[in-house]
Amino acid sequence: VGAVVSLVGGTMFLLWLGEQITSRG
């Protein structure tokens, strides 16, 4: 459960980071 939560959070954070690069970078 801890691994699934961590991996889901890591991937979604990368998506948010990618959106920030697209809009502000």
mmCIF file of all heavy atoms, coordinates in Angstrom:
data_MODEL
# 
_entry.id   MODEL 
# 
loop_
_atom_site.group_PDB 
_atom_site.id 
_atom_site.type_symbol 
_atom_site.label_atom_id 
_atom_site.label_alt_id 
_atom_site.label_comp_id 
_atom_site.label_asym_id 
_atom_site.label_entity_id 
_atom_site.label_seq_id 
_atom_site.pdbx_PDB_ins_code 
_atom_site.Cartn_x 
_atom_site.Cartn_y 
_atom_site.Cartn_z 
_atom_site.occupancy 
_atom_site.B_iso_or_equiv 
_atom_site.pdbx_formal_charge 
_atom_site.auth_seq_id 
_atom_site.auth_comp_id 
_atom_site.auth_asym_id 
_atom_site.auth_atom_id 
_atom_site.pdbx_PDB_model_num 
ATOM 1   N N   . VAL A 1 1  ? 0.835  -1.199 0.000   1.00 0.00 ? 1  VAL A N   1 
ATOM 2   C CA  . VAL A 1 1  ? 0.000  0.000  0.000   1.00 0.00 ? 1  VAL A CA  1 
ATOM 3   C C   . VAL A 1 1  ? 0.875  1.255  0.000   1.00 0.00 ? 1  VAL A C   1 
ATOM 4   O O   . VAL A 1 1  ? 0.621  2.221  -0.738  1.00 0.00 ? 1  VAL A O   1 
ATOM 5   C CB  . VAL A 1 1  ? -0.946 -0.014 1.215   1.00 0.00 ? 1  VAL A CB  1 
ATOM 6   C CG1 . VAL A 1 1  ? -1.685 1.323  1.329   1.00 0.00 ? 1  VAL A CG1 1 
ATOM 7   C CG2 . VAL A 1 1  ? -1.953 -1.150 1.093   1.00 0.00 ? 1  VAL A CG2 1 
ATOM 8   N N   . GLY A 1 2  ? 1.927  1.250  0.838   1.00 0.00 ? 2  GLY A N   1 
ATOM 9   C CA  . GLY A 1 2  ? 2.827  2.406  0.870   1.00 0.00 ? 2  GLY A CA  1 
ATOM 10  C C   . GLY A 1 2  ? 3.529  2.628  -0.455  1.00 0.00 ? 2  GLY A C   1 
ATOM 11  O O   . GLY A 1 2  ? 3.690  3.775  -0.900  1.00 0.00 ? 2  GLY A O   1 
ATOM 12  N N   . ALA A 1 3  ? 3.937  1.523  -1.119  1.00 0.00 ? 3  ALA A N   1 
ATOM 13  C CA  . ALA A 1 3  ? 4.598  1.652  -2.417  1.00 0.00 ? 3  ALA A CA  1 
ATOM 14  C C   . ALA A 1 3  ? 3.647  2.184  -3.477  1.00 0.00 ? 3  ALA A C   1 
ATOM 15  O O   . ALA A 1 3  ? 4.021  3.048  -4.287  1.00 0.00 ? 3  ALA A O   1 
ATOM 16  C CB  . ALA A 1 3  ? 5.165  0.297  -2.844  1.00 0.00 ? 3  ALA A CB  1 
ATOM 17  N N   . VAL A 1 4  ? 2.399  1.702  -3.475  1.00 0.00 ? 4  VAL A N   1 
ATOM 18  C CA  . VAL A 1 4  ? 1.418  2.163  -4.466  1.00 0.00 ? 4  VAL A CA  1 
ATOM 19  C C   . VAL A 1 4  ? 1.130  3.653  -4.275  1.00 0.00 ? 4  VAL A C   1 
ATOM 20  O O   . VAL A 1 4  ? 1.110  4.427  -5.236  1.00 0.00 ? 4  VAL A O   1 
ATOM 21  C CB  . VAL A 1 4  ? 0.125  1.327  -4.369  1.00 0.00 ? 4  VAL A CB  1 
ATOM 22  C CG1 . VAL A 1 4  ? -0.991 1.975  -5.193  1.00 0.00 ? 4  VAL A CG1 1 
ATOM 23  C CG2 . VAL A 1 4  ? 0.372  -0.089 -4.851  1.00 0.00 ? 4  VAL A CG2 1 
ATOM 24  N N   . VAL A 1 5  ? 0.922  4.070  -3.028  1.00 0.00 ? 5  VAL A N   1 
ATOM 25  C CA  . VAL A 1 5  ? 0.648  5.483  -2.760  1.00 0.00 ? 5  VAL A CA  1 
ATOM 26  C C   . VAL A 1 5  ? 1.834  6.353  -3.168  1.00 0.00 ? 5  VAL A C   1 
ATOM 27  O O   . VAL A 1 5  ? 1.669  7.422  -3.792  1.00 0.00 ? 5  VAL A O   1 
ATOM 28  C CB  . VAL A 1 5  ? 0.313  5.683  -1.268  1.00 0.00 ? 5  VAL A CB  1 
ATOM 29  C CG1 . VAL A 1 5  ? 0.221  7.174  -0.934  1.00 0.00 ? 5  VAL A CG1 1 
ATOM 30  C CG2 . VAL A 1 5  ? -0.991 4.989  -0.913  1.00 0.00 ? 5  VAL A CG2 1 
ATOM 31  N N   . SER A 1 6  ? 3.045  5.886  -2.864  1.00 0.00 ? 6  SER A N   1 
ATOM 32  C CA  . SER A 1 6  ? 4.238  6.667  -3.214  1.00 0.00 ? 6  SER A CA  1 
ATOM 33  C C   . SER A 1 6  ? 4.415  6.771  -4.720  1.00 0.00 ? 6  SER A C   1 
ATOM 34  O O   . SER A 1 6  ? 4.724  7.848  -5.245  1.00 0.00 ? 6  SER A O   1 
ATOM 35  C CB  . SER A 1 6  ? 5.479  6.026  -2.585  1.00 0.00 ? 6  SER A CB  1 
ATOM 36  O OG  . SER A 1 6  ? 5.373  5.968  -1.172  1.00 0.00 ? 6  SER A OG  1 
ATOM 37  N N   . LEU A 1 7  ? 4.198  5.658  -5.443  1.00 0.00 ? 7  LEU A N   1 
ATOM 38  C CA  . LEU A 1 7  ? 4.389  5.664  -6.896  1.00 0.00 ? 7  LEU A CA  1 
ATOM 39  C C   . LEU A 1 7  ? 3.319  6.497  -7.596  1.00 0.00 ? 7  LEU A C   1 
ATOM 40  O O   . LEU A 1 7  ? 3.613  7.222  -8.559  1.00 0.00 ? 7  LEU A O   1 
ATOM 41  C CB  . LEU A 1 7  ? 4.377  4.228  -7.427  1.00 0.00 ? 7  LEU A CB  1 
ATOM 42  C CG  . LEU A 1 7  ? 5.578  3.367  -7.023  1.00 0.00 ? 7  LEU A CG  1 
ATOM 43  C CD1 . LEU A 1 7  ? 5.372  1.926  -7.436  1.00 0.00 ? 7  LEU A CD1 1 
ATOM 44  C CD2 . LEU A 1 7  ? 6.861  3.908  -7.634  1.00 0.00 ? 7  LEU A CD2 1 
ATOM 45  N N   . VAL A 1 8  ? 2.066  6.400  -7.118  1.00 0.00 ? 8  VAL A N   1 
ATOM 46  C CA  . VAL A 1 8  ? 1.004  7.225  -7.707  1.00 0.00 ? 8  VAL A CA  1 
ATOM 47  C C   . VAL A 1 8  ? 1.296  8.710  -7.467  1.00 0.00 ? 8  VAL A C   1 
ATOM 48  O O   . VAL A 1 8  ? 1.183  9.548  -8.376  1.00 0.00 ? 8  VAL A O   1 
ATOM 49  C CB  . VAL A 1 8  ? -0.367 6.837  -7.137  1.00 0.00 ? 8  VAL A CB  1 
ATOM 50  C CG1 . VAL A 1 8  ? -1.440 7.832  -7.580  1.00 0.00 ? 8  VAL A CG1 1 
ATOM 51  C CG2 . VAL A 1 8  ? -0.754 5.440  -7.589  1.00 0.00 ? 8  VAL A CG2 1 
ATOM 52  N N   . GLY A 1 9  ? 1.703  9.041  -6.238  1.00 0.00 ? 9  GLY A N   1 
ATOM 53  C CA  . GLY A 1 9  ? 2.032  10.429 -5.940  1.00 0.00 ? 9  GLY A CA  1 
ATOM 54  C C   . GLY A 1 9  ? 3.214  10.933 -6.750  1.00 0.00 ? 9  GLY A C   1 
ATOM 55  O O   . GLY A 1 9  ? 3.213  12.085 -7.209  1.00 0.00 ? 9  GLY A O   1 
ATOM 56  N N   . GLY A 1 10 ? 4.239  10.094 -6.953  1.00 0.00 ? 10 GLY A N   1 
ATOM 57  C CA  . GLY A 1 10 ? 5.394  10.498 -7.750  1.00 0.00 ? 10 GLY A CA  1 
ATOM 58  C C   . GLY A 1 10 ? 5.037  10.768 -9.193  1.00 0.00 ? 10 GLY A C   1 
ATOM 59  O O   . GLY A 1 10 ? 5.471  11.775 -9.778  1.00 0.00 ? 10 GLY A O   1 
ATOM 60  N N   . THR A 1 11 ? 4.215  9.894  -9.798  1.00 0.00 ? 11 THR A N   1 
ATOM 61  C CA  . THR A 1 11 ? 3.823  10.094 -11.197 1.00 0.00 ? 11 THR A CA  1 
ATOM 62  C C   . THR A 1 11 ? 2.951  11.335 -11.359 1.00 0.00 ? 11 THR A C   1 
ATOM 63  O O   . THR A 1 11 ? 3.140  12.120 -12.298 1.00 0.00 ? 11 THR A O   1 
ATOM 64  C CB  . THR A 1 11 ? 3.077  8.856  -11.715 1.00 0.00 ? 11 THR A CB  1 
ATOM 65  O OG1 . THR A 1 11 ? 3.950  7.721  -11.674 1.00 0.00 ? 11 THR A OG1 1 
ATOM 66  C CG2 . THR A 1 11 ? 2.608  9.059  -13.148 1.00 0.00 ? 11 THR A CG2 1 
ATOM 67  N N   . MET A 1 12 ? 1.997  11.527 -10.460 1.00 0.00 ? 12 MET A N   1 
ATOM 68  C CA  . MET A 1 12 ? 1.122  12.702 -10.562 1.00 0.00 ? 12 MET A CA  1 
ATOM 69  C C   . MET A 1 12 ? 1.914  13.994 -10.320 1.00 0.00 ? 12 MET A C   1 
ATOM 70  O O   . MET A 1 12 ? 1.614  15.031 -10.920 1.00 0.00 ? 12 MET A O   1 
ATOM 71  C CB  . MET A 1 12 ? -0.032 12.595 -9.568  1.00 0.00 ? 12 MET A CB  1 
ATOM 72  C CG  . MET A 1 12 ? -0.931 11.387 -9.791  1.00 0.00 ? 12 MET A CG  1 
ATOM 73  S SD  . MET A 1 12 ? -1.466 11.174 -11.510 1.00 0.00 ? 12 MET A SD  1 
ATOM 74  C CE  . MET A 1 12 ? -2.534 12.594 -11.715 1.00 0.00 ? 12 MET A CE  1 
ATOM 75  N N   . PHE A 1 13 ? 2.925  13.933 -9.447  1.00 0.00 ? 13 PHE A N   1 
ATOM 76  C CA  . PHE A 1 13 ? 3.762  15.118 -9.264  1.00 0.00 ? 13 PHE A CA  1 
ATOM 77  C C   . PHE A 1 13 ? 4.529  15.431 -10.546 1.00 0.00 ? 13 PHE A C   1 
ATOM 78  O O   . PHE A 1 13 ? 4.693  16.608 -10.908 1.00 0.00 ? 13 PHE A O   1 
ATOM 79  C CB  . PHE A 1 13 ? 4.735  14.908 -8.103  1.00 0.00 ? 13 PHE A CB  1 
ATOM 80  C CG  . PHE A 1 13 ? 5.696  16.048 -7.910  1.00 0.00 ? 13 PHE A CG  1 
ATOM 81  C CD1 . PHE A 1 13 ? 5.291  17.208 -7.266  1.00 0.00 ? 13 PHE A CD1 1 
ATOM 82  C CD2 . PHE A 1 13 ? 6.999  15.978 -8.390  1.00 0.00 ? 13 PHE A CD2 1 
ATOM 83  C CE1 . PHE A 1 13 ? 6.168  18.274 -7.101  1.00 0.00 ? 13 PHE A CE1 1 
ATOM 84  C CE2 . PHE A 1 13 ? 7.884  17.030 -8.225  1.00 0.00 ? 13 PHE A CE2 1 
ATOM 85  C CZ  . PHE A 1 13 ? 7.462  18.185 -7.581  1.00 0.00 ? 13 PHE A CZ  1 
ATOM 86  N N   . LEU A 1 14 ? 5.025  14.388 -11.238 1.00 0.00 ? 14 LEU A N   1 
ATOM 87  C CA  . LEU A 1 14 ? 5.718  14.621 -12.509 1.00 0.00 ? 14 LEU A CA  1 
ATOM 88  C C   . LEU A 1 14 ? 4.784  15.241 -13.537 1.00 0.00 ? 14 LEU A C   1 
ATOM 89  O O   . LEU A 1 14 ? 5.205  16.110 -14.318 1.00 0.00 ? 14 LEU A O   1 
ATOM 90  C CB  . LEU A 1 14 ? 6.293  13.310 -13.041 1.00 0.00 ? 14 LEU A CB  1 
ATOM 91  C CG  . LEU A 1 14 ? 7.552  12.768 -12.363 1.00 0.00 ? 14 LEU A CG  1 
ATOM 92  C CD1 . LEU A 1 14 ? 8.050  11.536 -13.102 1.00 0.00 ? 14 LEU A CD1 1 
ATOM 93  C CD2 . LEU A 1 14 ? 8.644  13.818 -12.306 1.00 0.00 ? 14 LEU A CD2 1 
ATOM 94  N N   . LEU A 1 15 ? 3.515  14.803 -13.562 1.00 0.00 ? 15 LEU A N   1 
ATOM 95  C CA  . LEU A 1 15 ? 2.557  15.406 -14.493 1.00 0.00 ? 15 LEU A CA  1 
ATOM 96  C C   . LEU A 1 15 ? 2.343  16.874 -14.160 1.00 0.00 ? 15 LEU A C   1 
ATOM 97  O O   . LEU A 1 15 ? 2.264  17.721 -15.065 1.00 0.00 ? 15 LEU A O   1 
ATOM 98  C CB  . LEU A 1 15 ? 1.226  14.651 -14.435 1.00 0.00 ? 15 LEU A CB  1 
ATOM 99  C CG  . LEU A 1 15 ? 1.221  13.232 -14.988 1.00 0.00 ? 15 LEU A CG  1 
ATOM 100 C CD1 . LEU A 1 15 ? -0.192 12.661 -14.967 1.00 0.00 ? 15 LEU A CD1 1 
ATOM 101 C CD2 . LEU A 1 15 ? 1.782  13.192 -16.398 1.00 0.00 ? 15 LEU A CD2 1 
ATOM 102 N N   . TRP A 1 16 ? 2.208  17.190 -12.870 1.00 0.00 ? 16 TRP A N   1 
ATOM 103 C CA  . TRP A 1 16 ? 2.060  18.594 -12.467 1.00 0.00 ? 16 TRP A CA  1 
ATOM 104 C C   . TRP A 1 16 ? 3.302  19.395 -12.844 1.00 0.00 ? 16 TRP A C   1 
ATOM 105 O O   . TRP A 1 16 ? 3.194  20.521 -13.336 1.00 0.00 ? 16 TRP A O   1 
ATOM 106 C CB  . TRP A 1 16 ? 1.824  18.665 -10.956 1.00 0.00 ? 16 TRP A CB  1 
ATOM 107 C CG  . TRP A 1 16 ? 1.752  20.067 -10.439 1.00 0.00 ? 16 TRP A CG  1 
ATOM 108 C CD1 . TRP A 1 16 ? 0.669  20.890 -10.447 1.00 0.00 ? 16 TRP A CD1 1 
ATOM 109 C CD2 . TRP A 1 16 ? 2.827  20.820 -9.857  1.00 0.00 ? 16 TRP A CD2 1 
ATOM 110 N NE1 . TRP A 1 16 ? 0.992  22.111 -9.896  1.00 0.00 ? 16 TRP A NE1 1 
ATOM 111 C CE2 . TRP A 1 16 ? 2.306  22.100 -9.517  1.00 0.00 ? 16 TRP A CE2 1 
ATOM 112 C CE3 . TRP A 1 16 ? 4.156  20.542 -9.566  1.00 0.00 ? 16 TRP A CE3 1 
ATOM 113 C CZ2 . TRP A 1 16 ? 3.089  23.087 -8.923  1.00 0.00 ? 16 TRP A CZ2 1 
ATOM 114 C CZ3 . TRP A 1 16 ? 4.934  21.515 -8.975  1.00 0.00 ? 16 TRP A CZ3 1 
ATOM 115 C CH2 . TRP A 1 16 ? 4.412  22.772 -8.653  1.00 0.00 ? 16 TRP A CH2 1 
ATOM 116 N N   . LEU A 1 17 ? 4.479  18.797 -12.647 1.00 0.00 ? 17 LEU A N   1 
ATOM 117 C CA  . LEU A 1 17 ? 5.722  19.477 -13.010 1.00 0.00 ? 17 LEU A CA  1 
ATOM 118 C C   . LEU A 1 17 ? 5.787  19.710 -14.515 1.00 0.00 ? 17 LEU A C   1 
ATOM 119 O O   . LEU A 1 17 ? 6.229  20.777 -14.975 1.00 0.00 ? 17 LEU A O   1 
ATOM 120 C CB  . LEU A 1 17 ? 6.916  18.649 -12.538 1.00 0.00 ? 17 LEU A CB  1 
ATOM 121 C CG  . LEU A 1 17 ? 8.285  19.333 -12.520 1.00 0.00 ? 17 LEU A CG  1 
ATOM 122 C CD1 . LEU A 1 17 ? 8.296  20.471 -11.510 1.00 0.00 ? 17 LEU A CD1 1 
ATOM 123 C CD2 . LEU A 1 17 ? 9.381  18.317 -12.182 1.00 0.00 ? 17 LEU A CD2 1 
ATOM 124 N N   . GLY A 1 18 ? 5.344  18.724 -15.288 1.00 0.00 ? 18 GLY A N   1 
ATOM 125 C CA  . GLY A 1 18 ? 5.319  18.893 -16.738 1.00 0.00 ? 18 GLY A CA  1 
ATOM 126 C C   . GLY A 1 18 ? 4.370  20.001 -17.172 1.00 0.00 ? 18 GLY A C   1 
ATOM 127 O O   . GLY A 1 18 ? 4.679  20.768 -18.096 1.00 0.00 ? 18 GLY A O   1 
ATOM 128 N N   . GLU A 1 19 ? 3.209  20.109 -16.507 1.00 0.00 ? 19 GLU A N   1 
ATOM 129 C CA  . GLU A 1 19 ? 2.280  21.193 -16.836 1.00 0.00 ? 19 GLU A CA  1 
ATOM 130 C C   . GLU A 1 19 ? 2.876  22.558 -16.508 1.00 0.00 ? 19 GLU A C   1 
ATOM 131 O O   . GLU A 1 19 ? 2.682  23.525 -17.256 1.00 0.00 ? 19 GLU A O   1 
ATOM 132 C CB  . GLU A 1 19 ? 0.976  20.994 -16.066 1.00 0.00 ? 19 GLU A CB  1 
ATOM 133 C CG  . GLU A 1 19 ? 0.143  19.828 -16.553 1.00 0.00 ? 19 GLU A CG  1 
ATOM 134 C CD  . GLU A 1 19 ? -1.125 19.676 -15.748 1.00 0.00 ? 19 GLU A CD  1 
ATOM 135 O OE1 . GLU A 1 19 ? -1.262 20.405 -14.730 1.00 0.00 ? 19 GLU A OE1 1 
ATOM 136 O OE2 . GLU A 1 19 ? -1.964 18.856 -16.139 1.00 0.00 ? 19 GLU A OE2 1 
ATOM 137 N N   . GLN A 1 20 ? 3.604  22.636 -15.396 1.00 0.00 ? 20 GLN A N   1 
ATOM 138 C CA  . GLN A 1 20 ? 4.246  23.900 -15.044 1.00 0.00 ? 20 GLN A CA  1 
ATOM 139 C C   . GLN A 1 20 ? 5.305  24.288 -16.074 1.00 0.00 ? 20 GLN A C   1 
ATOM 140 O O   . GLN A 1 20 ? 5.448  25.458 -16.420 1.00 0.00 ? 20 GLN A O   1 
ATOM 141 C CB  . GLN A 1 20 ? 4.874  23.803 -13.647 1.00 0.00 ? 20 GLN A CB  1 
ATOM 142 C CG  . GLN A 1 20 ? 3.879  23.567 -12.529 1.00 0.00 ? 20 GLN A CG  1 
ATOM 143 C CD  . GLN A 1 20 ? 2.814  24.635 -12.476 1.00 0.00 ? 20 GLN A CD  1 
ATOM 144 O OE1 . GLN A 1 20 ? 3.105  25.824 -12.475 1.00 0.00 ? 20 GLN A OE1 1 
ATOM 145 N NE2 . GLN A 1 20 ? 1.555  24.205 -12.445 1.00 0.00 ? 20 GLN A NE2 1 
ATOM 146 N N   . ILE A 1 21 ? 6.055  23.292 -16.564 1.00 0.00 ? 21 ILE A N   1 
ATOM 147 C CA  . ILE A 1 21 ? 7.065  23.583 -17.596 1.00 0.00 ? 21 ILE A CA  1 
ATOM 148 C C   . ILE A 1 21 ? 6.387  24.081 -18.866 1.00 0.00 ? 21 ILE A C   1 
ATOM 149 O O   . ILE A 1 21 ? 6.841  25.044 -19.500 1.00 0.00 ? 21 ILE A O   1 
ATOM 150 C CB  . ILE A 1 21 ? 7.912  22.333 -17.878 1.00 0.00 ? 21 ILE A CB  1 
ATOM 151 C CG1 . ILE A 1 21 ? 8.761  21.978 -16.649 1.00 0.00 ? 21 ILE A CG1 1 
ATOM 152 C CG2 . ILE A 1 21 ? 8.826  22.555 -19.079 1.00 0.00 ? 21 ILE A CG2 1 
ATOM 153 C CD1 . ILE A 1 21 ? 9.541  20.679 -16.806 1.00 0.00 ? 21 ILE A CD1 1 
ATOM 154 N N   . THR A 1 22 ? 5.275  23.441 -19.249 1.00 0.00 ? 22 THR A N   1 
ATOM 155 C CA  . THR A 1 22 ? 4.581  23.840 -20.472 1.00 0.00 ? 22 THR A CA  1 
ATOM 156 C C   . THR A 1 22 ? 4.031  25.259 -20.372 1.00 0.00 ? 22 THR A C   1 
ATOM 157 O O   . THR A 1 22 ? 4.112  26.033 -21.334 1.00 0.00 ? 22 THR A O   1 
ATOM 158 C CB  . THR A 1 22 ? 3.443  22.852 -20.763 1.00 0.00 ? 22 THR A CB  1 
ATOM 159 O OG1 . THR A 1 22 ? 3.974  21.520 -20.855 1.00 0.00 ? 22 THR A OG1 1 
ATOM 160 C CG2 . THR A 1 22 ? 2.749  23.200 -22.068 1.00 0.00 ? 22 THR A CG2 1 
ATOM 161 N N   . SER A 1 23 ? 3.459  25.623 -19.215 1.00 0.00 ? 23 SER A N   1 
ATOM 162 C CA  . SER A 1 23 ? 2.819  26.933 -19.075 1.00 0.00 ? 23 SER A CA  1 
ATOM 163 C C   . SER A 1 23 ? 3.800  28.044 -18.699 1.00 0.00 ? 23 SER A C   1 
ATOM 164 O O   . SER A 1 23 ? 3.686  29.165 -19.195 1.00 0.00 ? 23 SER A O   1 
ATOM 165 C CB  . SER A 1 23 ? 1.706  26.867 -18.021 1.00 0.00 ? 23 SER A CB  1 
ATOM 166 O OG  . SER A 1 23 ? 2.229  26.470 -16.762 1.00 0.00 ? 23 SER A OG  1 
ATOM 167 N N   . ARG A 1 24 ? 4.780  27.731 -17.856 1.00 0.00 ? 24 ARG A N   1 
ATOM 168 C CA  . ARG A 1 24 ? 5.680  28.774 -17.354 1.00 0.00 ? 24 ARG A CA  1 
ATOM 169 C C   . ARG A 1 24 ? 7.107  28.645 -17.881 1.00 0.00 ? 24 ARG A C   1 
ATOM 170 O O   . ARG A 1 24 ? 7.925  29.530 -17.657 1.00 0.00 ? 24 ARG A O   1 
ATOM 171 C CB  . ARG A 1 24 ? 5.700  28.737 -15.827 1.00 0.00 ? 24 ARG A CB  1 
ATOM 172 C CG  . ARG A 1 24 ? 4.334  28.925 -15.209 1.00 0.00 ? 24 ARG A CG  1 
ATOM 173 C CD  . ARG A 1 24 ? 4.349  28.715 -13.709 1.00 0.00 ? 24 ARG A CD  1 
ATOM 174 N NE  . ARG A 1 24 ? 5.253  29.638 -13.047 1.00 0.00 ? 24 ARG A NE  1 
ATOM 175 C CZ  . ARG A 1 24 ? 5.490  29.623 -11.741 1.00 0.00 ? 24 ARG A CZ  1 
ATOM 176 N NH1 . ARG A 1 24 ? 4.914  28.697 -10.978 1.00 0.00 ? 24 ARG A NH1 1 
ATOM 177 N NH2 . ARG A 1 24 ? 6.317  30.490 -11.210 1.00 0.00 ? 24 ARG A NH2 1 
ATOM 178 N N   . GLY A 1 25 ? 7.400  27.520 -18.536 1.00 0.00 ? 25 GLY A N   1 
ATOM 179 C CA  . GLY A 1 25 ? 8.735  27.304 -19.073 1.00 0.00 ? 25 GLY A CA  1 
ATOM 180 C C   . GLY A 1 25 ? 8.736  27.335 -20.589 1.00 0.00 ? 25 GLY A C   1 
ATOM 181 O O   . GLY A 1 25 ? 7.976  28.076 -21.225 1.00 0.00 ? 25 GLY A O   1 
# 
